[in-house]
Structures are given as C-alpha cells and as structure tokens.
C-alpha cells in the first residue's frame, strides 16, 4: 500500500526499482547488519509488498517562510 492517510493503494506487486532500492540499502547497512539479516529483511519486505501488508510512508510536508529584514 502506498499513499497519504485516507488514500492508500494496494498493488499486490513489487514496485519498479525495488531491486535498486535494496542494493542501496545493502550498501548503506553492510557495516551494521550481516548479509543474513539483510536477506531476511529483504524477504520480509518483498512478501509484505506482494501480500498487500506493506505500508510505505513518505512524508511530504512543505513550509515556506519569509524573514522580514531588521530595521537598523
């Protein structure tokens, strides 16, 4: 599933680029987790995507501000 609260879509398939995402995760986490642990997490992630239980949360909150110049 993906989307914002109140709107989610269950695809039942792996998203495009999933292998590239895991290559980057393996690179980033190689010093922290064993290859066995990474493989286990990857298998869990794949299964969750396929059975529709994976929820991907991508926060997209933006703000803008304007600082008024100080009078000197």
N, C-alpha and C. Protein backbone atom coordinates (compact mmCIF):
# COMPACT_ATOMS: atom_id res chain seq x y z
N UNK A 1 0.84 -1.17 0.00
CA UNK A 1 0.00 0.00 0.00
C UNK A 1 0.88 1.23 0.00
N UNK A 2 0.41 2.23 -0.63
CA UNK A 2 1.13 3.50 -0.60
C UNK A 2 0.11 4.62 -0.67
N UNK A 3 0.51 5.78 -0.26
CA UNK A 3 -0.37 6.93 -0.32
C UNK A 3 -0.33 7.73 0.96
N UNK A 4 -1.18 8.70 1.03
CA UNK A 4 -1.27 9.54 2.22
C UNK A 4 -2.41 9.02 3.09
N UNK A 5 -2.46 9.42 4.36
CA UNK A 5 -3.55 8.96 5.22
C UNK A 5 -4.90 9.25 4.56
N UNK A 6 -5.74 8.26 4.55
CA UNK A 6 -7.04 8.42 3.91
C UNK A 6 -7.05 7.97 2.47
N UNK A 7 -5.88 7.81 1.87
CA UNK A 7 -5.79 7.31 0.50
C UNK A 7 -4.62 6.36 0.41
N UNK A 8 -4.91 5.10 0.22
CA UNK A 8 -3.87 4.10 0.04
C UNK A 8 -4.26 3.21 -1.11
N UNK A 9 -3.27 2.67 -1.78
CA UNK A 9 -3.49 1.79 -2.91
C UNK A 9 -2.75 0.49 -2.68
N UNK A 10 -3.45 -0.62 -2.79
CA UNK A 10 -2.86 -1.94 -2.63
C UNK A 10 -2.54 -2.49 -4.01
N UNK A 11 -1.26 -2.60 -4.34
CA UNK A 11 -0.89 -3.02 -5.69
C UNK A 11 -0.71 -4.53 -5.83
N UNK A 12 -0.29 -5.21 -4.76
CA UNK A 12 -0.07 -6.64 -4.83
C UNK A 12 1.11 -7.04 -5.70
N UNK A 13 1.97 -6.09 -5.99
CA UNK A 13 3.17 -6.39 -6.79
C UNK A 13 4.32 -5.55 -6.27
N UNK A 14 5.52 -5.93 -6.67
CA UNK A 14 6.70 -5.16 -6.27
C UNK A 14 6.77 -3.87 -7.09
N UNK A 15 7.13 -2.77 -6.44
CA UNK A 15 7.24 -1.52 -7.20
C UNK A 15 8.46 -1.53 -8.12
N UNK A 16 8.39 -0.74 -9.17
CA UNK A 16 9.54 -0.59 -10.07
C UNK A 16 10.72 -0.06 -9.26
N UNK A 17 11.89 -0.56 -9.54
CA UNK A 17 13.09 -0.09 -8.86
C UNK A 17 13.34 -0.71 -7.50
N UNK A 18 12.57 -1.72 -7.15
CA UNK A 18 12.72 -2.35 -5.83
C UNK A 18 14.12 -2.95 -5.66
N UNK A 19 14.64 -3.56 -6.71
CA UNK A 19 15.99 -4.15 -6.62
C UNK A 19 17.05 -3.07 -6.40
N UNK A 20 16.90 -1.93 -7.07
CA UNK A 20 17.84 -0.83 -6.88
C UNK A 20 17.77 -0.29 -5.45
N UNK A 21 16.56 -0.21 -4.92
CA UNK A 21 16.39 0.25 -3.54
C UNK A 21 17.13 -0.67 -2.57
N UNK A 22 17.00 -1.98 -2.78
CA UNK A 22 17.67 -2.93 -1.89
C UNK A 22 19.18 -2.94 -2.08
N UNK A 23 19.65 -2.69 -3.28
CA UNK A 23 21.10 -2.57 -3.48
C UNK A 23 21.66 -1.41 -2.66
N UNK A 24 20.92 -0.30 -2.63
CA UNK A 24 21.37 0.86 -1.86
C UNK A 24 21.29 0.56 -0.36
N UNK A 25 20.22 -0.09 0.08
CA UNK A 25 20.11 -0.45 1.50
C UNK A 25 21.24 -1.39 1.91
N UNK A 26 21.54 -2.37 1.08
CA UNK A 26 22.63 -3.30 1.39
C UNK A 26 23.96 -2.55 1.50
N UNK A 27 24.18 -1.63 0.60
CA UNK A 27 25.42 -0.83 0.65
C UNK A 27 25.47 0.00 1.93
N UNK A 28 24.37 0.67 2.25
CA UNK A 28 24.34 1.55 3.42
C UNK A 28 24.42 0.80 4.74
N UNK A 29 23.85 -0.39 4.80
CA UNK A 29 23.75 -1.13 6.06
C UNK A 29 24.78 -2.25 6.20
N UNK A 30 25.66 -2.41 5.23
CA UNK A 30 26.59 -3.54 5.25
C UNK A 30 27.49 -3.55 6.48
N UNK A 31 27.80 -2.41 7.05
CA UNK A 31 28.64 -2.38 8.24
C UNK A 31 27.86 -2.58 9.53
N UNK A 32 26.53 -2.52 9.44
CA UNK A 32 25.69 -2.62 10.64
C UNK A 32 24.96 -3.95 10.77
N UNK A 33 24.64 -4.57 9.63
CA UNK A 33 23.88 -5.82 9.64
C UNK A 33 24.62 -6.87 8.83
N UNK A 34 24.46 -8.11 9.22
CA UNK A 34 25.07 -9.21 8.46
C UNK A 34 24.28 -9.42 7.16
N UNK A 35 24.90 -10.09 6.21
CA UNK A 35 24.21 -10.37 4.95
C UNK A 35 22.99 -11.26 5.18
N UNK A 36 23.06 -12.13 6.19
CA UNK A 36 21.91 -12.97 6.53
C UNK A 36 20.74 -12.12 7.03
N UNK A 37 21.03 -11.14 7.90
CA UNK A 37 19.98 -10.26 8.40
C UNK A 37 19.37 -9.43 7.27
N UNK A 38 20.22 -8.90 6.40
CA UNK A 38 19.73 -8.12 5.28
C UNK A 38 18.85 -8.95 4.36
N UNK A 39 19.26 -10.18 4.10
CA UNK A 39 18.46 -11.08 3.25
C UNK A 39 17.11 -11.37 3.89
N UNK A 40 17.11 -11.55 5.19
CA UNK A 40 15.85 -11.80 5.91
C UNK A 40 14.92 -10.60 5.80
N UNK A 41 15.45 -9.40 6.01
CA UNK A 41 14.63 -8.20 5.90
C UNK A 41 14.12 -8.00 4.47
N UNK A 42 14.96 -8.30 3.50
CA UNK A 42 14.54 -8.16 2.11
C UNK A 42 13.41 -9.13 1.79
N UNK A 43 13.51 -10.36 2.27
CA UNK A 43 12.45 -11.35 2.03
C UNK A 43 11.15 -10.90 2.70
N UNK A 44 11.24 -10.39 3.91
CA UNK A 44 10.04 -9.89 4.61
C UNK A 44 9.42 -8.71 3.86
N UNK A 45 10.27 -7.82 3.37
CA UNK A 45 9.78 -6.66 2.63
C UNK A 45 9.08 -7.08 1.34
N UNK A 46 9.71 -7.98 0.60
CA UNK A 46 9.10 -8.47 -0.65
C UNK A 46 7.75 -9.13 -0.39
N UNK A 47 7.69 -9.98 0.63
CA UNK A 47 6.44 -10.66 0.93
C UNK A 47 5.35 -9.66 1.33
N UNK A 48 5.73 -8.66 2.11
CA UNK A 48 4.76 -7.65 2.53
C UNK A 48 4.22 -6.86 1.33
N UNK A 49 5.10 -6.53 0.36
CA UNK A 49 4.63 -5.86 -0.85
C UNK A 49 3.65 -6.75 -1.60
N UNK A 50 4.00 -8.03 -1.74
CA UNK A 50 3.17 -8.94 -2.53
C UNK A 50 1.83 -9.25 -1.89
N UNK A 51 1.80 -9.34 -0.55
CA UNK A 51 0.51 -9.66 0.08
C UNK A 51 -0.30 -8.42 0.47
N UNK A 52 0.25 -7.24 0.17
CA UNK A 52 -0.50 -6.01 0.39
C UNK A 52 -0.43 -5.45 1.80
N UNK A 53 0.44 -6.00 2.64
CA UNK A 53 0.53 -5.51 4.02
C UNK A 53 1.61 -4.45 4.20
N UNK A 54 2.40 -4.18 3.18
CA UNK A 54 3.48 -3.19 3.27
C UNK A 54 2.90 -1.79 3.14
N UNK A 55 3.19 -0.95 4.10
CA UNK A 55 2.76 0.44 4.04
C UNK A 55 4.00 1.31 3.90
N UNK A 56 4.07 2.04 2.84
CA UNK A 56 5.19 2.93 2.58
C UNK A 56 4.76 4.34 2.96
N UNK A 57 5.45 4.91 3.94
CA UNK A 57 5.12 6.26 4.39
C UNK A 57 6.20 7.21 3.91
N UNK A 58 5.81 8.11 3.04
CA UNK A 58 6.73 9.12 2.54
C UNK A 58 6.16 10.48 2.93
N UNK A 59 6.71 11.08 4.00
CA UNK A 59 6.16 12.37 4.41
C UNK A 59 6.45 13.45 3.38
N UNK A 60 5.44 14.19 3.04
CA UNK A 60 5.60 15.25 2.04
C UNK A 60 5.00 16.54 2.59
N UNK A 61 5.59 17.03 3.64
CA UNK A 61 5.12 18.27 4.25
C UNK A 61 6.09 19.38 3.86
N UNK A 62 5.55 20.46 3.43
CA UNK A 62 6.38 21.58 3.00
C UNK A 62 5.96 22.84 3.74
N UNK A 63 6.87 23.75 3.89
CA UNK A 63 6.58 25.04 4.51
C UNK A 63 7.44 26.10 3.85
N UNK A 64 6.96 27.29 3.88
CA UNK A 64 7.73 28.41 3.35
C UNK A 64 7.63 29.55 4.36
N UNK A 65 8.68 30.26 4.49
CA UNK A 65 8.67 31.40 5.40
C UNK A 65 9.49 32.53 4.81
N UNK A 66 9.11 33.72 5.18
CA UNK A 66 9.83 34.91 4.73
C UNK A 66 10.26 35.68 5.97
N UNK A 67 11.53 35.89 6.09
CA UNK A 67 12.05 36.65 7.22
C UNK A 67 12.13 38.11 6.81
N UNK A 68 11.45 38.92 7.59
CA UNK A 68 11.47 40.35 7.31
C UNK A 68 12.81 40.92 7.73
N UNK A 69 13.36 41.83 6.95
CA UNK A 69 14.64 42.43 7.32
C UNK A 69 14.50 43.26 8.60
N UNK A 70 15.54 43.23 9.39
CA UNK A 70 15.54 44.02 10.61
C UNK A 70 15.81 45.47 10.27
N UNK A 71 15.13 46.37 10.96
CA UNK A 71 15.38 47.80 10.77
C UNK A 71 16.59 48.20 11.61
N UNK A 72 17.60 48.70 10.97
CA UNK A 72 18.80 49.12 11.72
C UNK A 72 19.06 50.59 11.54
